[in-house]
Amino acid sequence: MAGAPCRIMRVGFVGELGFEIHLPAEYAAGVWRALLEAGARHGIRPFGVEAQRLLRLEKGHIIVARTRTV
């Protein structure tokens, strides 16, 4: 992806179609820019892990390794 060696996994943490992209850190900025550019016409939007955590909580999904709530 964008010239970077990647491992892409389909995930579904919040009920939407989602993917995790694992790659060496030195490629991250270039891949990020390429993803936002390629997805712009489809309205791609990033969201943070706090939003993901709250969406999972609302759906009743457990959060592995989370021992207390904040």
N, C-alpha and C. Protein backbone atom coordinates (compact mmCIF):
# COMPACT_ATOMS: atom_id res chain seq x y z
N MET A 1 0.85 -1.16 0.00
CA MET A 1 0.00 0.00 0.00
C MET A 1 0.90 1.23 0.00
N ALA A 2 0.74 2.07 -1.01
CA ALA A 2 1.55 3.29 -1.14
C ALA A 2 3.04 2.98 -1.03
N GLY A 3 3.45 1.82 -1.54
CA GLY A 3 4.85 1.42 -1.51
C GLY A 3 5.32 0.83 -0.19
N ALA A 4 4.43 0.62 0.75
CA ALA A 4 4.80 0.10 2.07
C ALA A 4 4.39 -1.37 2.21
N PRO A 5 5.24 -2.16 2.85
CA PRO A 5 4.83 -3.54 3.14
C PRO A 5 3.79 -3.50 4.27
N CYS A 6 2.62 -4.07 4.01
CA CYS A 6 1.52 -3.99 4.98
C CYS A 6 0.86 -5.35 5.19
N ARG A 7 0.28 -5.50 6.34
CA ARG A 7 -0.64 -6.60 6.63
C ARG A 7 -1.97 -5.93 6.97
N ILE A 8 -3.01 -6.27 6.21
CA ILE A 8 -4.32 -5.65 6.38
C ILE A 8 -5.28 -6.71 6.90
N MET A 9 -6.01 -6.36 7.98
CA MET A 9 -6.95 -7.29 8.59
C MET A 9 -8.32 -6.63 8.69
N ARG A 10 -9.36 -7.38 8.33
CA ARG A 10 -10.72 -6.87 8.49
C ARG A 10 -11.12 -7.02 9.95
N VAL A 11 -11.66 -5.96 10.51
CA VAL A 11 -12.10 -5.98 11.91
C VAL A 11 -13.50 -5.38 11.99
N GLY A 12 -14.20 -5.67 13.05
CA GLY A 12 -15.53 -5.13 13.22
C GLY A 12 -15.79 -4.79 14.67
N PHE A 13 -15.15 -3.77 15.17
CA PHE A 13 -15.28 -3.41 16.57
C PHE A 13 -16.54 -2.62 16.88
N VAL A 14 -17.04 -1.86 15.92
CA VAL A 14 -18.15 -0.96 16.21
C VAL A 14 -19.35 -1.18 15.31
N GLY A 15 -19.41 -2.31 14.63
CA GLY A 15 -20.55 -2.61 13.78
C GLY A 15 -20.42 -2.10 12.36
N GLU A 16 -19.34 -1.46 12.05
CA GLU A 16 -19.08 -0.98 10.70
C GLU A 16 -17.97 -1.83 10.09
N LEU A 17 -17.90 -1.81 8.77
CA LEU A 17 -16.81 -2.48 8.10
C LEU A 17 -15.53 -1.70 8.41
N GLY A 18 -14.55 -2.34 8.96
CA GLY A 18 -13.31 -1.66 9.32
C GLY A 18 -12.10 -2.52 9.05
N PHE A 19 -10.95 -1.90 9.03
CA PHE A 19 -9.70 -2.60 8.76
C PHE A 19 -8.61 -2.08 9.68
N GLU A 20 -7.70 -2.96 10.04
CA GLU A 20 -6.45 -2.57 10.71
C GLU A 20 -5.35 -2.75 9.69
N ILE A 21 -4.45 -1.80 9.67
CA ILE A 21 -3.30 -1.86 8.76
C ILE A 21 -2.05 -1.87 9.62
N HIS A 22 -1.30 -2.93 9.52
CA HIS A 22 -0.04 -3.06 10.27
C HIS A 22 1.11 -2.87 9.29
N LEU A 23 2.01 -1.96 9.64
CA LEU A 23 3.13 -1.65 8.77
C LEU A 23 4.27 -1.07 9.59
N PRO A 24 5.49 -1.09 9.04
CA PRO A 24 6.60 -0.46 9.75
C PRO A 24 6.35 1.03 9.94
N ALA A 25 6.72 1.54 11.10
CA ALA A 25 6.44 2.93 11.48
C ALA A 25 6.94 3.95 10.47
N GLU A 26 8.06 3.70 9.85
CA GLU A 26 8.63 4.70 8.94
C GLU A 26 7.76 4.92 7.69
N TYR A 27 6.80 4.04 7.42
CA TYR A 27 5.90 4.20 6.28
C TYR A 27 4.57 4.83 6.67
N ALA A 28 4.32 5.01 7.95
CA ALA A 28 2.99 5.40 8.42
C ALA A 28 2.48 6.71 7.83
N ALA A 29 3.28 7.75 7.81
CA ALA A 29 2.82 9.06 7.32
C ALA A 29 2.43 8.99 5.85
N GLY A 30 3.22 8.32 5.04
CA GLY A 30 2.92 8.21 3.61
C GLY A 30 1.65 7.40 3.35
N VAL A 31 1.47 6.31 4.09
CA VAL A 31 0.26 5.49 3.94
C VAL A 31 -0.95 6.28 4.41
N TRP A 32 -0.82 6.99 5.51
CA TRP A 32 -1.93 7.81 6.03
C TRP A 32 -2.39 8.81 4.98
N ARG A 33 -1.45 9.53 4.40
CA ARG A 33 -1.80 10.52 3.36
C ARG A 33 -2.46 9.86 2.15
N ALA A 34 -1.92 8.72 1.72
CA ALA A 34 -2.48 8.01 0.57
C ALA A 34 -3.90 7.53 0.85
N LEU A 35 -4.15 7.03 2.05
CA LEU A 35 -5.49 6.57 2.41
C LEU A 35 -6.50 7.72 2.41
N LEU A 36 -6.13 8.83 3.02
CA LEU A 36 -7.04 9.98 3.05
C LEU A 36 -7.31 10.52 1.65
N GLU A 37 -6.30 10.55 0.82
CA GLU A 37 -6.48 11.03 -0.56
C GLU A 37 -7.37 10.07 -1.35
N ALA A 38 -7.10 8.77 -1.25
CA ALA A 38 -7.88 7.79 -2.01
C ALA A 38 -9.33 7.73 -1.53
N GLY A 39 -9.56 7.94 -0.27
CA GLY A 39 -10.91 7.84 0.27
C GLY A 39 -11.69 9.13 0.29
N ALA A 40 -11.09 10.24 -0.10
CA ALA A 40 -11.75 11.55 -0.03
C ALA A 40 -13.07 11.56 -0.80
N ARG A 41 -13.10 10.98 -1.97
CA ARG A 41 -14.34 11.01 -2.76
C ARG A 41 -15.44 10.16 -2.15
N HIS A 42 -15.06 9.28 -1.21
CA HIS A 42 -16.05 8.43 -0.53
C HIS A 42 -16.38 8.94 0.87
N GLY A 43 -15.81 10.09 1.23
CA GLY A 43 -16.08 10.67 2.54
C GLY A 43 -15.38 9.97 3.69
N ILE A 44 -14.23 9.36 3.41
CA ILE A 44 -13.48 8.66 4.47
C ILE A 44 -13.15 9.64 5.59
N ARG A 45 -13.29 9.17 6.83
CA ARG A 45 -13.02 10.01 7.99
C ARG A 45 -12.33 9.17 9.05
N PRO A 46 -11.23 9.65 9.60
CA PRO A 46 -10.59 8.93 10.70
C PRO A 46 -11.36 9.15 12.00
N PHE A 47 -11.25 8.20 12.91
CA PHE A 47 -11.80 8.42 14.25
C PHE A 47 -10.83 7.84 15.25
N GLY A 48 -10.85 8.36 16.47
CA GLY A 48 -9.89 7.98 17.48
C GLY A 48 -10.31 6.78 18.31
N VAL A 49 -9.39 6.30 19.10
CA VAL A 49 -9.66 5.11 19.91
C VAL A 49 -10.66 5.39 21.01
N GLU A 50 -10.78 6.62 21.48
CA GLU A 50 -11.77 6.93 22.50
C GLU A 50 -13.18 6.78 21.92
N ALA A 51 -13.38 7.26 20.70
CA ALA A 51 -14.67 7.07 20.04
C ALA A 51 -14.96 5.60 19.84
N GLN A 52 -13.96 4.84 19.45
CA GLN A 52 -14.13 3.40 19.28
C GLN A 52 -14.50 2.74 20.60
N ARG A 53 -13.86 3.11 21.66
CA ARG A 53 -14.14 2.53 22.98
C ARG A 53 -15.59 2.80 23.38
N LEU A 54 -16.04 4.03 23.18
CA LEU A 54 -17.41 4.37 23.54
C LEU A 54 -18.44 3.65 22.68
N LEU A 55 -18.17 3.53 21.39
CA LEU A 55 -19.08 2.80 20.52
C LEU A 55 -19.17 1.33 20.92
N ARG A 56 -18.04 0.73 21.29
CA ARG A 56 -18.04 -0.66 21.75
C ARG A 56 -18.84 -0.78 23.03
N LEU A 57 -18.66 0.15 23.95
CA LEU A 57 -19.39 0.13 25.21
C LEU A 57 -20.90 0.22 24.97
N GLU A 58 -21.31 1.12 24.07
CA GLU A 58 -22.73 1.27 23.75
C GLU A 58 -23.32 -0.01 23.17
N LYS A 59 -22.52 -0.76 22.40
CA LYS A 59 -23.01 -2.00 21.80
C LYS A 59 -22.93 -3.18 22.77
N GLY A 60 -22.32 -2.96 23.95
CA GLY A 60 -22.21 -4.03 24.93
C GLY A 60 -21.06 -4.98 24.68
N HIS A 61 -20.11 -4.59 23.85
CA HIS A 61 -18.94 -5.43 23.58
C HIS A 61 -17.94 -5.26 24.72
N ILE A 62 -17.36 -6.35 25.15
CA ILE A 62 -16.34 -6.25 26.19
C ILE A 62 -15.07 -5.67 25.60
N ILE A 63 -14.29 -5.07 26.45
CA ILE A 63 -13.01 -4.51 26.03
C ILE A 63 -11.93 -5.33 26.73
N VAL A 64 -11.26 -6.16 25.98
CA VAL A 64 -10.25 -7.06 26.53
C VAL A 64 -9.12 -6.25 27.15
N ALA A 65 -8.65 -6.67 28.30
CA ALA A 65 -7.53 -6.07 29.03
C ALA A 65 -7.89 -4.73 29.64
N ARG A 66 -9.13 -4.35 29.63
CA ARG A 66 -9.56 -3.10 30.28
C ARG A 66 -10.14 -3.49 31.64
N THR A 67 -9.44 -3.13 32.70
CA THR A 67 -9.85 -3.57 34.02
C THR A 67 -10.69 -2.56 34.79
N ARG A 68 -10.66 -1.31 34.37
CA ARG A 68 -11.47 -0.30 35.05
C ARG A 68 -11.96 0.71 34.03
N THR A 69 -13.04 1.37 34.33
CA THR A 69 -13.53 2.42 33.45
C THR A 69 -13.15 3.76 33.99
N VAL A 70 -13.00 4.70 33.13
CA VAL A 70 -12.61 6.05 33.51
C VAL A 70 -13.80 6.97 33.42
